[in-house]
C-alpha atoms as a PDB file:
ATOM      1  CA  MET A   1      -5.587 -56.514-103.150  1.00  0.00           C
ATOM      2  CA  LYS A   2      -2.806 -58.807-104.023  1.00  0.00           C
ATOM      3  CA  ALA A   3      -2.372 -62.061-105.229  1.00  0.00           C
ATOM      4  CA  ALA A   4       0.803 -64.054-106.405  1.00  0.00           C
ATOM      5  CA  ASN A   5       1.737 -67.668-109.066  1.00  0.00           C
ATOM      6  CA  LYS A   6       0.536 -70.086-105.754  1.00  0.00           C
ATOM      7  CA  ASP A   7      -3.123 -68.163-105.713  1.00  0.00           C
ATOM      8  CA  PHE A   8      -3.791 -69.557-108.857  1.00  0.00           C
ATOM      9  CA  VAL A   9      -2.423 -73.106-109.101  1.00  0.00           C
ATOM     10  CA  ARG A  10      -5.596 -74.695-107.731  1.00  0.00           C
ATOM     11  CA  GLY A  11      -8.335 -72.027-108.915  1.00  0.00           C
ATOM     12  CA  LEU A  12      -8.970 -68.650-108.359  1.00  0.00           C
ATOM     13  CA  PRO A  13      -8.221 -66.317-105.134  1.00  0.00           C
ATOM     14  CA  ARG A  14     -11.689 -65.325-103.764  1.00  0.00           C
ATOM     15  CA  SER A  15     -10.369 -61.808-104.144  1.00  0.00           C
ATOM     16  CA  VAL A  16     -11.496 -61.951-107.878  1.00  0.00           C
ATOM     17  CA  ALA A  17     -15.343 -61.820-107.339  1.00  0.00           C
ATOM     18  CA  GLN A  18     -14.439 -58.265-105.585  1.00  0.00           C
ATOM     19  CA  ALA A  19     -12.465 -56.820-108.290  1.00  0.00           C
ATOM     20  CA  SER A  20     -12.986 -55.347-111.976  1.00  0.00           C
ATOM     21  CA  ILE A  21      -9.651 -54.354-112.791  1.00  0.00           C
ATOM     22  CA  PHE A  22      -6.901 -56.883-112.807  1.00  0.00           C
ATOM     23  CA  PHE A  23      -3.263 -55.882-112.962  1.00  0.00           C
ATOM     24  CA  PHE A  24      -1.073 -58.969-114.046  1.00  0.00           C
ATOM     25  CA  CYS A  25       2.388 -58.410-114.105  1.00  0.00           C
ATOM     26  CA  GLY A  26       6.148 -60.016-113.128  1.00  0.00           C
ATOM     27  CA  PRO A  27       9.066 -61.764-115.206  1.00  0.00           C
ATOM     28  CA  ASP A  28       6.295 -65.040-116.002  1.00  0.00           C
ATOM     29  CA  GLU A  29       4.648 -63.357-118.519  1.00  0.00           C
ATOM     30  CA  ALA A  30       2.869 -66.727-119.472  1.00  0.00           C
ATOM     31  CA  GLY A  31       1.765 -67.201-115.718  1.00  0.00           C
ATOM     32  CA  ALA A  32       0.010 -63.587-115.875  1.00  0.00           C
ATOM     33  CA  SER A  33      -1.435 -64.333-119.091  1.00  0.00           C
ATOM     34  CA  ALA A  34      -2.645 -67.908-118.101  1.00  0.00           C
ATOM     35  CA  ALA A  35      -4.217 -65.979-114.806  1.00  0.00           C
ATOM     36  CA  ALA A  36      -5.925 -63.434-117.154  1.00  0.00           C
ATOM     37  CA  GLU A  37      -7.800 -66.006-118.905  1.00  0.00           C
ATOM     38  CA  LYS A  38      -8.922 -67.904-115.709  1.00  0.00           C
ATOM     39  CA  VAL A  39     -10.144 -64.434-114.961  1.00  0.00           C
ATOM     40  CA  ILE A  40     -11.868 -63.787-118.086  1.00  0.00           C
ATOM     41  CA  ALA A  41     -13.605 -67.291-117.786  1.00  0.00           C
ATOM     42  CA  ALA A  42     -14.788 -66.959-114.587  1.00  0.00           C
ATOM     43  CA  LEU A  43     -16.731 -63.419-115.094  1.00  0.00           C
ATOM     44  CA  PRO A  44     -20.716 -64.188-114.566  1.00  0.00           C
ATOM     45  CA  ASP A  45     -21.112 -62.267-118.023  1.00  0.00           C
ATOM     46  CA  PRO A  46     -17.634 -62.196-120.043  1.00  0.00           C
ATOM     47  CA  GLY A  47     -19.691 -60.340-123.509  1.00  0.00           C
ATOM     48  CA  GLU A  48     -17.339 -59.152-126.107  1.00  0.00           C
ATOM     49  CA  ARG A  49     -13.624 -58.949-125.930  1.00  0.00           C
ATOM     50  CA  ILE A  50     -12.068 -55.813-126.565  1.00  0.00           C
ATOM     51  CA  GLU A  51      -8.070 -55.816-126.888  1.00  0.00           C
ATOM     52  CA  LEU A  52      -6.344 -53.309-126.260  1.00  0.00           C
ATOM     53  CA  SER A  53      -2.543 -52.426-126.756  1.00  0.00           C
ATOM     54  CA  GLY A  54      -0.425 -50.527-123.843  1.00  0.00           C
ATOM     55  CA  ALA A  55       0.898 -47.862-126.302  1.00  0.00           C
ATOM     56  CA  ASP A  56      -2.647 -47.119-127.599  1.00  0.00           C
ATOM     57  CA  LEU A  57      -3.656 -46.337-123.568  1.00  0.00           C
ATOM     58  CA  ARG A  58      -0.193 -44.249-123.626  1.00  0.00           C
ATOM     59  CA  ARG A  59      -1.032 -42.332-126.470  1.00  0.00           C
ATOM     60  CA  ASP A  60      -5.127 -41.533-125.347  1.00  0.00           C
ATOM     61  CA  PRO A  61      -5.677 -42.539-121.440  1.00  0.00           C
ATOM     62  CA  ALA A  62      -9.470 -41.560-122.184  1.00  0.00           C
ATOM     63  CA  SER A  63      -9.543 -44.112-124.348  1.00  0.00           C
ATOM     64  CA  LEU A  64      -9.622 -46.840-121.185  1.00  0.00           C
ATOM     65  CA  GLY A  65     -12.169 -45.261-119.844  1.00  0.00           C
ATOM     66  CA  ASP A  66     -14.762 -44.578-123.126  1.00  0.00           C
ATOM     67  CA  GLU A  67     -14.074 -48.551-124.037  1.00  0.00           C
ATOM     68  CA  ALA A  68     -15.188 -49.653-120.748  1.00  0.00           C
ATOM     69  CA  ARG A  69     -18.061 -47.603-120.408  1.00  0.00           C
ATOM     70  CA  SER A  70     -19.263 -48.134-124.385  1.00  0.00           C
ATOM     71  CA  GLY A  71     -21.814 -50.966-125.368  1.00  0.00           C
ATOM     72  CA  SER A  72     -21.038 -53.285-127.008  1.00  0.00           C
ATOM     73  CA  LEU A  73     -22.080 -53.562-131.043  1.00  0.00           C
ATOM     74  CA  PHE A  74     -24.637 -56.322-130.334  1.00  0.00           C
ATOM     75  CA  GLY A  75     -25.815 -55.090-127.055  1.00  0.00           C
ATOM     76  CA  ASP A  76     -23.974 -57.248-124.776  1.00  0.00           C
ATOM     77  CA  SER A  77     -21.404 -57.082-122.058  1.00  0.00           C
ATOM     78  CA  ARG A  78     -17.788 -56.770-122.827  1.00  0.00           C
ATOM     79  CA  HIS A  79     -14.321 -56.944-121.048  1.00  0.00           C
ATOM     80  CA  ILE A  80     -11.402 -55.251-121.651  1.00  0.00           C
ATOM     81  CA  TYR A  81      -7.830 -56.974-122.550  1.00  0.00           C
ATOM     82  CA  VAL A  82      -4.763 -55.070-122.430  1.00  0.00           C
ATOM     83  CA  ARG A  83      -1.181 -56.180-123.228  1.00  0.00           C
ATOM     84  CA  ALA A  84       0.921 -53.278-121.744  1.00  0.00           C
ATOM     85  CA  ALA A  85       4.674 -53.143-120.956  1.00  0.00           C
ATOM     86  CA  GLY A  86       5.897 -51.649-117.919  1.00  0.00           C
ATOM     87  CA  ASP A  87       3.528 -48.887-116.407  1.00  0.00           C
ATOM     88  CA  GLU A  88       2.659 -48.145-120.205  1.00  0.00           C
ATOM     89  CA  ALA A  89      -1.625 -48.241-118.573  1.00  0.00           C
ATOM     90  CA  HIS A  90      -0.693 -46.333-115.312  1.00  0.00           C
ATOM     91  CA  ASP A  91      -2.275 -43.100-116.962  1.00  0.00           C
ATOM     92  CA  ALA A  92      -5.007 -44.843-118.269  1.00  0.00           C
ATOM     93  CA  LEU A  93      -6.298 -46.376-115.052  1.00  0.00           C
ATOM     94  CA  LYS A  94      -5.516 -43.900-113.388  1.00  0.00           C
ATOM     95  CA  THR A  95      -8.554 -41.388-115.519  1.00  0.00           C
ATOM     96  CA  LEU A  96     -10.915 -44.531-115.700  1.00  0.00           C
ATOM     97  CA  ILE A  97     -10.743 -44.483-111.525  1.00  0.00           C
ATOM     98  CA  GLU A  98     -10.962 -40.738-111.553  1.00  0.00           C
ATOM     99  CA  THR A  99     -14.082 -40.628-113.982  1.00  0.00           C
ATOM    100  CA  ALA A 100     -15.668 -43.458-111.773  1.00  0.00           C
ATOM    101  CA  GLN A 101     -15.244 -41.142-108.779  1.00  0.00           C
ATOM    102  CA  ALA A 102     -16.805 -38.147-110.363  1.00  0.00           C
ATOM    103  CA  GLY A 103     -20.108 -40.200-111.512  1.00  0.00           C
ATOM    104  CA  ALA A 104     -19.239 -41.597-114.967  1.00  0.00           C
ATOM    105  CA  GLY A 105     -21.200 -45.081-114.212  1.00  0.00           C
ATOM    106  CA  ASP A 106     -20.345 -48.267-114.038  1.00  0.00           C
ATOM    107  CA  ALA A 107     -17.129 -49.795-116.507  1.00  0.00           C
ATOM    108  CA  ALA A 108     -16.512 -53.146-118.235  1.00  0.00           C
ATOM    109  CA  PRO A 109     -13.923 -55.272-116.405  1.00  0.00           C
ATOM    110  CA  VAL A 110     -10.683 -54.168-117.187  1.00  0.00           C
ATOM    111  CA  VAL A 111      -7.712 -57.279-117.401  1.00  0.00           C
ATOM    112  CA  ILE A 112      -3.935 -56.392-117.880  1.00  0.00           C
ATOM    113  CA  VAL A 113      -0.597 -58.233-118.876  1.00  0.00           C
ATOM    114  CA  ALA A 114       2.196 -56.010-117.915  1.00  0.00           C
ATOM    115  CA  THR A 115       4.696 -57.278-119.167  1.00  0.00           C
ATOM    116  CA  SER A 116       8.262 -55.542-117.356  1.00  0.00           C
ATOM    117  CA  ALA A 117       6.251 -54.212-115.094  1.00  0.00           C
ATOM    118  CA  THR A 118       6.345 -55.642-110.859  1.00  0.00           C
ATOM    119  CA  ASP A 119       4.380 -54.841-108.247  1.00  0.00           C
ATOM    120  CA  LYS A 120       7.024 -51.947-106.998  1.00  0.00           C
ATOM    121  CA  SER A 121       5.366 -50.187-110.430  1.00  0.00           C
ATOM    122  CA  ARG A 122       3.720 -47.231-110.068  1.00  0.00           C
ATOM    123  CA  THR A 123       0.650 -48.855-111.871  1.00  0.00           C
ATOM    124  CA  ALA A 124       0.895 -51.730-108.911  1.00  0.00           C
ATOM    125  CA  LYS A 125       1.214 -49.161-106.232  1.00  0.00           C
ATOM    126  CA  LEU A 126      -2.016 -47.614-107.605  1.00  0.00           C
ATOM    127  CA  LEU A 127      -4.171 -50.478-107.420  1.00  0.00           C
ATOM    128  CA  GLU A 128      -2.858 -52.809-104.762  1.00  0.00           C
ATOM    129  CA  LYS A 129      -4.964 -50.643-101.861  1.00  0.00           C
ATOM    130  CA  ARG A 130      -8.273 -50.921-103.780  1.00  0.00           C
ATOM    131  CA  ASP A 131     -10.933 -53.065-103.070  1.00  0.00           C
ATOM    132  CA  ASP A 132     -11.743 -53.501-106.472  1.00  0.00           C
ATOM    133  CA  ALA A 133      -8.718 -54.097-108.147  1.00  0.00           C
ATOM    134  CA  LEU A 134      -6.286 -57.275-107.793  1.00  0.00           C
ATOM    135  CA  VAL A 135      -2.201 -56.437-108.754  1.00  0.00           C
ATOM    136  CA  GLY A 136      -0.966 -60.345-109.435  1.00  0.00           C
ATOM    137  CA  MET A 137       2.584 -60.729-109.186  1.00  0.00           C
ATOM    138  CA  PHE A 138       3.828 -63.671-111.341  1.00  0.00           C
ATOM    139  CA  TYR A 139       7.702 -64.711-110.719  1.00  0.00           C
ATOM    140  CA  GLN A 140       9.456 -67.452-112.602  1.00  0.00           C
ATOM    141  CA  PRO A 141       7.760 -70.839-112.552  1.00  0.00           C
ATOM    142  CA  ASP A 142       9.719 -73.676-111.047  1.00  0.00           C
ATOM    143  CA  LEU A 143       9.312 -76.973-112.225  1.00  0.00           C
ATOM    144  CA  ASN A 144       6.820 -78.101-108.923  1.00  0.00           C
ATOM    145  CA  SER A 145       4.375 -75.656-109.483  1.00  0.00           C
ATOM    146  CA  VAL A 146       3.817 -75.902-112.976  1.00  0.00           C
ATOM    147  CA  ALA A 147       3.364 -79.480-112.282  1.00  0.00           C
ATOM    148  CA  ALA A 148       0.690 -78.902-109.589  1.00  0.00           C
ATOM    149  CA  SER A 149      -0.878 -76.571-112.467  1.00  0.00           C
ATOM    150  CA  VAL A 150      -0.710 -79.484-114.953  1.00  0.00           C
ATOM    151  CA  ARG A 151      -2.749 -81.548-112.173  1.00  0.00           C
ATOM    152  CA  SER A 152      -5.301 -79.113-111.564  1.00  0.00           C
ATOM    153  CA  MET A 153      -5.928 -78.788-115.528  1.00  0.00           C
ATOM    154  CA  ALA A 154      -5.834 -82.085-115.644  1.00  0.00           C
ATOM    155  CA  ASP A 155      -8.534 -82.728-113.021  1.00  0.00           C
ATOM    156  CA  ALA A 156     -10.938 -79.944-114.716  1.00  0.00           C
ATOM    157  CA  ALA A 157     -10.670 -81.766-117.714  1.00  0.00           C
ATOM    158  CA  GLY A 158     -11.334 -85.208-116.363  1.00  0.00           C
ATOM    159  CA  LEU A 159      -7.839 -86.703-116.379  1.00  0.00           C
ATOM    160  CA  ARG A 160      -5.993 -88.643-113.835  1.00  0.00           C
ATOM    161  CA  LEU A 161      -2.268 -87.997-114.049  1.00  0.00           C
ATOM    162  CA  ASN A 162       0.254 -89.156-111.661  1.00  0.00           C
ATOM    163  CA  GLY A 163       3.552 -86.980-110.419  1.00  0.00           C
ATOM    164  CA  ASP A 164       5.663 -88.100-112.971  1.00  0.00           C
ATOM    165  CA  LEU A 165       3.440 -87.391-115.868  1.00  0.00           C
ATOM    166  CA  ALA A 166       2.609 -84.186-114.828  1.00  0.00           C
ATOM    167  CA  GLU A 167       6.157 -83.393-114.054  1.00  0.00           C
ATOM    168  CA  ARG A 168       7.353 -84.426-118.028  1.00  0.00           C
ATOM    169  CA  ILE A 169       4.527 -82.606-119.518  1.00  0.00           C
ATOM    170  CA  ALA A 170       5.639 -79.477-117.306  1.00  0.00           C
ATOM    171  CA  ARG A 171       9.173 -80.022-118.709  1.00  0.00           C
ATOM    172  CA  ALA A 172       7.859 -80.365-121.840  1.00  0.00           C
ATOM    173  CA  ALA A 173       6.038 -77.286-121.924  1.00  0.00           C
ATOM    174  CA  GLY A 174       9.099 -75.672-121.130  1.00  0.00           C
ATOM    175  CA  LEU A 175       7.643 -74.518-117.609  1.00  0.00           C
ATOM    176  CA  ASP A 176       5.172 -72.270-119.811  1.00  0.00           C
ATOM    177  CA  VAL A 177       1.093 -73.017-118.562  1.00  0.00           C
ATOM    178  CA  ARG A 178      -0.381 -72.343-121.296  1.00  0.00           C
ATOM    179  CA  LEU A 179       1.688 -74.547-123.687  1.00  0.00           C
ATOM    180  CA  ALA A 180       1.275 -76.915-120.781  1.00  0.00           C
ATOM    181  CA  GLN A 181      -2.668 -76.677-121.238  1.00  0.00           C
ATOM    182  CA  SER A 182      -2.860 -77.142-124.958  1.00  0.00           C
ATOM    183  CA  GLU A 183      -1.159 -80.261-123.909  1.00  0.00           C
ATOM    184  CA  VAL A 184      -3.381 -81.382-121.480  1.00  0.00           C
ATOM    185  CA  ASP A 185      -6.340 -80.638-124.256  1.00  0.00           C
ATOM    186  CA  LYS A 186      -4.922 -83.472-126.517  1.00  0.00           C
ATOM    187  CA  LEU A 187      -4.222 -85.958-123.819  1.00  0.00           C
ATOM    188  CA  ALA A 188      -7.794 -85.561-122.342  1.00  0.00           C
ATOM    189  CA  LEU A 189      -9.563 -85.771-126.110  1.00  0.00           C
ATOM    190  CA  TYR A 190      -7.478 -88.518-127.168  1.00  0.00           C
ATOM    191  CA  CYS A 191      -8.204 -90.485-123.407  1.00  0.00           C
ATOM    192  CA  ASP A 192     -11.829 -89.058-124.656  1.00  0.00           C
ATOM    193  CA  ALA A 193     -11.659 -88.068-120.721  1.00  0.00           C
ATOM    194  CA  ASP A 194     -14.584 -85.838-119.230  1.00  0.00           C
ATOM    195  CA  PRO A 195     -14.995 -84.279-116.074  1.00  0.00           C
ATOM    196  CA  GLN A 196     -18.173 -86.231-115.110  1.00  0.00           C
ATOM    197  CA  SER A 197     -16.611 -89.682-116.100  1.00  0.00           C
ATOM    198  CA  PRO A 198     -12.838 -89.347-115.500  1.00  0.00           C
ATOM    199  CA  SER A 199      -9.969 -91.294-117.514  1.00  0.00           C
ATOM    200  CA  PRO A 200      -6.503 -92.157-116.014  1.00  0.00           C
ATOM    201  CA  ALA A 201      -3.601 -90.833-118.527  1.00  0.00           C
ATOM    202  CA  SER A 202      -0.216 -92.853-118.750  1.00  0.00           C
ATOM    203  CA  VAL A 203       2.786 -92.513-120.136  1.00  0.00           C
ATOM    204  CA  GLU A 204       2.347 -94.378-123.382  1.00  0.00           C
ATOM    205  CA  ASP A 205      -0.802 -91.763-124.748  1.00  0.00           C
ATOM    206  CA  TYR A 206       1.168 -88.758-123.942  1.00  0.00           C
ATOM    207  CA  ALA A 207       3.779 -90.119-126.299  1.00  0.00           C
ATOM    208  CA  ALA A 208       1.264 -90.760-128.908  1.00  0.00           C
ATOM    209  CA  ILE A 209      -0.485 -87.383-129.258  1.00  0.00           C
ATOM    210  CA  GLY A 210       3.213 -86.436-130.320  1.00  0.00           C
ATOM    211  CA  ALA A 211       4.645 -84.487-127.725  1.00  0.00           C
ATOM    212  CA  ALA A 212       7.267 -82.254-128.624  1.00  0.00           C
ATOM    213  CA  THR A 213      10.476 -83.432-127.045  1.00  0.00           C
ATOM    214  CA  GLU A 214      13.542 -81.572-126.460  1.00  0.00           C
ATOM    215  CA  GLU A 215      15.232 -82.220-129.722  1.00  0.00           C
ATOM    216  CA  ASP A 216      12.553 -81.208-131.966  1.00  0.00           C
ATOM    217  CA  GLY A 217      10.805 -78.234-129.827  1.00  0.00           C
ATOM    218  CA  PHE A 218      11.758 -74.642-129.445  1.00  0.00           C
ATOM    219  CA  GLN A 219      14.978 -74.556-127.302  1.00  0.00           C
ATOM    220  CA  PRO A 220      17.466 -75.339-130.213  1.00  0.00           C
ATOM    221  CA  LEU A 221      16.227 -72.377-132.106  1.00  0.00           C
ATOM    222  CA  VAL A 222      16.037 -70.544-128.583  1.00  0.00           C
ATOM    223  CA  ASN A 223      19.689 -70.971-128.164  1.00  0.00           C
ATOM    224  CA  ALA A 224      20.356 -70.393-132.025  1.00  0.00           C
ATOM    225  CA  VAL A 225      19.069 -67.077-131.474  1.00  0.00           C
ATOM    226  CA  LEU A 226      20.254 -66.067-128.118  1.00  0.00           C
ATOM    227  CA  GLY A 227      23.375 -67.177-128.195  1.00  0.00           C
ATOM    228  CA  GLY A 228      24.392 -65.362-131.299  1.00  0.00           C
ATOM    229  CA  GLU A 229      25.060 -68.783-133.028  1.00  0.00           C
ATOM    230  CA  LEU A 230      24.583 -66.977-136.483  1.00  0.00           C
ATOM    231  CA  SER A 231      25.869 -70.337-138.439  1.00  0.00           C
ATOM    232  CA  ARG A 232      23.155 -72.249-136.582  1.00  0.00           C
ATOM    233  CA  LEU A 233      20.575 -69.762-137.542  1.00  0.00           C
ATOM    234  CA  PRO A 234      19.676 -71.056-141.202  1.00  0.00           C
ATOM    235  CA  ARG A 235      19.270 -74.805-140.312  1.00  0.00           C
ATOM    236  CA  GLU A 236      17.228 -73.809-137.112  1.00  0.00           C
ATOM    237  CA  LEU A 237      14.764 -72.001-139.193  1.00  0.00           C
ATOM    238  CA  HIS A 238      14.666 -74.050-141.912  1.00  0.00           C
ATOM    239  CA  ARG A 239      13.436 -76.775-139.052  1.00  0.00           C
ATOM    240  CA  MET A 240      11.067 -74.361-137.650  1.00  0.00           C
ATOM    241  CA  ARG A 241       9.282 -74.261-140.972  1.00  0.00           C
ATOM    242  CA  GLU A 242      10.118 -77.861-141.940  1.00  0.00           C
ATOM    243  CA  LEU A 243       8.254 -79.158-138.286  1.00  0.00           C
ATOM    244  CA  GLY A 244       5.546 -76.243-138.864  1.00  0.00           C
ATOM    245  CA  LEU A 245       6.873 -74.852-135.160  1.00  0.00           C
ATOM    246  CA  ASN A 246       3.966 -72.626-133.918  1.00  0.00           C
ATOM    247  CA  PRO A 247       5.702 -68.872-134.630  1.00  0.00           C
ATOM    248  CA  VAL A 248       3.879 -67.605-131.101  1.00  0.00           C
ATOM    249  CA  GLY A 249       4.777 -70.734-129.465  1.00  0.00           C
ATOM    250  CA  LEU A 250       8.427 -70.243-130.075  1.00  0.00           C
ATOM    251  CA  LEU A 251       8.217 -66.896-129.480  1.00  0.00           C
ATOM    252  CA  LEU A 252       6.951 -67.246-125.998  1.00  0.00           C
ATOM    253  CA  ALA A 253       9.806 -69.839-125.389  1.00  0.00           C
ATOM    254  CA  ILE A 254      12.425 -66.948-126.680  1.00  0.00           C
ATOM    255  CA  GLU A 255      10.454 -64.791-124.551  1.00  0.00           C
ATOM    256  CA  ARG A 256      10.758 -66.559-121.034  1.00  0.00           C
ATOM    257  CA  ARG A 257      14.443 -67.184-121.511  1.00  0.00           C
ATOM    258  CA  ALA A 258      15.118 -63.233-121.808  1.00  0.00           C
ATOM    259  CA  ALA A 259      12.592 -63.054-119.144  1.00  0.00           C
ATOM    260  CA  GLN A 260      15.110 -65.476-116.832  1.00  0.00           C
ATOM    261  CA  LEU A 261      18.047 -64.112-118.136  1.00  0.00           C
ATOM    262  CA  ALA A 262      16.909 -60.748-116.924  1.00  0.00           C
ATOM    263  CA  GLN A 263      16.282 -62.471-113.251  1.00  0.00           C
ATOM    264  CA  ILE A 264      19.249 -64.024-113.007  1.00  0.00           C
ATOM    265  CA  THR A 265      21.491 -60.892-114.310  1.00  0.00           C
ATOM    266  CA  ALA A 266      19.246 -58.868-111.210  1.00  0.00           C
ATOM    267  CA  LYS A 267      20.423 -61.334-108.865  1.00  0.00           C
ATOM    268  CA  LEU A 268      23.935 -61.992-109.748  1.00  0.00           C
ATOM    269  CA  GLY A 269      24.947 -57.818-109.646  1.00  0.00           C
ATOM    270  CA  PRO A 270      27.181 -56.594-112.305  1.00  0.00           C
ATOM    271  CA  ARG A 271      30.225 -58.532-111.023  1.00  0.00           C
ATOM    272  CA  GLY A 272      28.579 -61.979-110.181  1.00  0.00           C
ATOM    273  CA  SER A 273      28.959 -64.927-112.004  1.00  0.00           C
ATOM    274  CA  LEU A 274      26.960 -68.438-111.618  1.00  0.00           C
ATOM    275  CA  ASP A 275      29.773 -70.482-110.167  1.00  0.00           C
ATOM    276  CA  GLY A 276      28.937 -68.136-106.825  1.00  0.00           C
ATOM    277  CA  LEU A 277      25.257 -69.786-106.765  1.00  0.00           C
ATOM    278  CA  ASN A 278      24.519 -73.233-104.883  1.00  0.00           C
ATOM    279  CA  LYS A 279      22.230 -75.543-106.460  1.00  0.00           C
ATOM    280  CA  GLY A 280      19.341 -74.616-104.542  1.00  0.00           C
ATOM    281  CA  GLU A 281      20.008 -70.722-105.988  1.00  0.00           C
ATOM    282  CA  LYS A 282      20.009 -72.015-109.206  1.00  0.00           C
ATOM    283  CA  ALA A 283      17.316 -73.987-109.027  1.00  0.00           C
ATOM    284  CA  GLN A 284      14.780 -71.121-107.766  1.00  0.00           C
ATOM    285  CA  LEU A 285      16.548 -69.073-110.737  1.00  0.00           C
ATOM    286  CA  GLY A 286      15.455 -72.511-112.900  1.00  0.00           C
ATOM    287  CA  ILE A 287      18.991 -73.052-114.412  1.00  0.00           C
ATOM    288  CA  PHE A 288      19.013 -76.818-114.669  1.00  0.00           C
ATOM    289  CA  TRP A 289      21.834 -78.646-115.308  1.00  0.00           C
ATOM    290  CA  ARG A 290      21.305 -79.280-119.467  1.00  0.00           C
ATOM    291  CA  GLU A 291      20.510 -75.434-119.646  1.00  0.00           C
ATOM    292  CA  GLU A 292      23.393 -74.654-117.434  1.00  0.00           C
ATOM    293  CA  ARG A 293      25.998 -74.464-120.252  1.00  0.00           C
ATOM    294  CA  ASP A 294      23.572 -72.447-122.653  1.00  0.00           C
ATOM    295  CA  ILE A 295      22.670 -70.265-119.815  1.00  0.00           C
ATOM    296  CA  ARG A 296      26.378 -69.118-119.284  1.00  0.00           C
ATOM    297  CA  GLN A 297      26.715 -68.479-123.037  1.00  0.00           C
ATOM    298  CA  GLN A 298      23.813 -66.100-123.360  1.00  0.00           C
ATOM    299  CA  LEU A 299      24.693 -64.304-120.163  1.00  0.00           C
ATOM    300  CA  ALA A 300      27.825 -63.437-121.817  1.00  0.00           C
ATOM    301  CA  ARG A 301      25.917 -62.170-124.750  1.00  0.00           C
ATOM    302  CA  TRP A 302      23.125 -60.325-122.834  1.00  0.00           C
ATOM    303  CA  GLN A 303      24.335 -57.827-120.044  1.00  0.00           C
ATOM    304  CA  ALA A 304      21.811 -55.820-118.720  1.00  0.00           C
ATOM    305  CA  ARG A 305      21.304 -52.913-120.983  1.00  0.00           C
ATOM    306  CA  LYS A 306      21.125 -55.298-123.884  1.00  0.00           C
ATOM    307  CA  LEU A 307      18.515 -57.263-122.269  1.00  0.00           C
ATOM    308  CA  ASP A 308      16.695 -53.674-121.234  1.00  0.00           C
ATOM    309  CA  ARG A 309      16.211 -53.632-125.394  1.00  0.00           C
ATOM    310  CA  LEU A 310      15.288 -57.026-125.968  1.00  0.00           C
ATOM    311  CA  ILE A 311      12.402 -57.734-123.791  1.00  0.00           C
ATOM    312  CA  PRO A 312      10.405 -54.556-125.073  1.00  0.00           C
ATOM    313  CA  ARG A 313      11.473 -55.647-128.405  1.00  0.00           C
ATOM    314  CA  LEU A 314      10.252 -59.137-127.840  1.00  0.00           C
ATOM    315  CA  THR A 315       6.734 -57.719-126.538  1.00  0.00           C
ATOM    316  CA  ALA A 316       6.135 -55.397-130.122  1.00  0.00           C
ATOM    317  CA  LEU A 317       7.335 -58.486-131.936  1.00  0.00           C
ATOM    318  CA  HIS A 318       4.149 -60.510-130.012  1.00  0.00           C
ATOM    319  CA  ARG A 319       2.014 -57.921-130.521  1.00  0.00           C
ATOM    320  CA  ARG A 320       2.709 -58.334-134.174  1.00  0.00           C
ATOM    321  CA  LEU A 321       2.376 -61.705-134.662  1.00  0.00           C
ATOM    322  CA  LEU A 322      -1.120 -61.589-132.849  1.00  0.00           C
ATOM    323  CA  ALA A 323      -1.860 -59.093-135.404  1.00  0.00           C
ATOM    324  CA  ASN A 324      -0.539 -60.659-138.623  1.00  0.00           C
ATOM    325  CA  SER A 325      -0.958 -64.530-138.461  1.00  0.00           C
ATOM    326  CA  GLN A 326      -0.793 -65.050-141.781  1.00  0.00           C
ATOM    327  CA  ALA A 327       2.592 -63.590-142.299  1.00  0.00           C
ATOM    328  CA  ALA A 328       3.491 -64.779-138.559  1.00  0.00           C
ATOM    329  CA  GLU A 329       6.705 -67.368-139.538  1.00  0.00           C
ATOM    330  CA  THR A 330       8.001 -64.935-141.879  1.00  0.00           C
ATOM    331  CA  LEU A 331       7.675 -62.091-139.203  1.00  0.00           C
ATOM    332  CA  LEU A 332       9.155 -64.055-136.901  1.00  0.00           C
ATOM    333  CA  ALA A 333      11.938 -65.531-138.809  1.00  0.00           C
ATOM    334  CA  GLN A 334      13.440 -61.713-140.161  1.00  0.00           C
ATOM    335  CA  GLU A 335      13.022 -60.535-136.251  1.00  0.00           C
ATOM    336  CA  LEU A 336      14.696 -63.888-134.955  1.00  0.00           C
ATOM    337  CA  THR A 337      17.577 -63.408-137.874  1.00  0.00           C
ATOM    338  CA  GLU A 338      18.018 -59.506-136.246  1.00  0.00           C
ATOM    339  CA  ILE A 339      18.217 -60.326-132.721  1.00  0.00           C
ATOM    340  CA  ALA A 340      20.697 -63.185-133.227  1.00  0.00           C
ATOM    341  CA  ARG A 341      22.707 -60.936-134.944  1.00  0.00           C
ATOM    342  CA  PHE A 342      22.780 -58.354-132.548  1.00  0.00           C
ATOM    343  CA  ALA A 343      23.585 -61.089-129.550  1.00  0.00           C
ATOM    344  CA  ALA A 344      26.733 -61.780-131.758  1.00  0.00           C
ATOM    345  CA  ARG A 345      28.020 -58.665-131.210  1.00  0.00           C
ATOM    346  CA  ARG A 346      30.076 -57.976-128.223  1.00  0.00           C
END
C-alpha cells in the first residue's frame, strides 16, 4: 500500500490500521518523521520503543526479526523504530518477511524513516504491494500544506486558529511540521486550551510565547554554513550558543535546505538555471523571493556530487546528536565548521 503527504494532513489514512510495516521516505524528512510518530501514537498498544539504525540492520539483517519477535524487558508489547539512509533496511525487511512466511511467528510493528530513499527504491518496491505494509512518500512541503497541518494540530489541541496565524506558524517553523507542532503545543499551553473546551488564539498570543523570528532563528546560520561563508561562521556559532538554539532543530533546518537543494538540482539538470523557472515552478520547489539569493549562492557551492556526500553526513550527524545530547552543541559546531569549509571549496 502507498500513501503521500496529503494523506497525513488531517489524520491517518485507513491503510494504517492494516499495516505492521511502515516505510516513510522522500525529501521531506520532517514530514516522514512526523507521520511515523502519528502512526506510533495510533498503535493499539505501542509498548516499549526499540530504536535501531539502518547501519545496524545492514551489518546484521537478522537483527530486525530478532528484535521484532523478542518480548519486552517488562513483558509488555513493543515497536521497532528505525532511522535509515537509502536502502539500508532492505535486506533486514526481506529477512523479516521471509521468516514470517516460514512460520516464525508474529512480529512487533516496524516503523522506518529512510532519508535519501524514494518510492522507487528497492525497499519501497519490496513493500508497496503488500497488504501488511505501507510505503509513504513525503515530498518537500509547500506553505499551504504545512498551514493545513498546523490547523489540524491546533484542532487536536483545542486551539482555534485563523488561516493567517496558521501560515505564520508554518513560516516560523521553516515548513517543518515537527517544529510547528512544538509551536502549537506552546501556544495551547499559553492559551490554556483543551479539546473539550477550545480557546481562540491570536497573533498577539503567538508573539507572547516568544516564537523565533527570521532574525533570531536558524536561517542565518544555515545560510552561513551551506553558503561557505567562513568569515560569518564564528559570529553565527556564537549567536547559536548565546540564544541557546536547539542543536537538533538547527540541524533539521540544514537537512531541509540540503534536501531542497538536491530537489532543485534534480529539477534543473546539469546545465539548468533558476532563471529558466517560472514563478509557479519556483513555488513548487519552495523558492520564495526572500530566500532566492541565498539559494542561488548555495546551488553554486553544492553540485549534485557534493550533495550526495553531504546528505548522508547530515544523517549520521543527526544520529550522533540524538545519542550524545549533552555534547550536542559542541558536536554540531565542529561538524558545521567542517561542512562550511567543504562548501567554501570551489
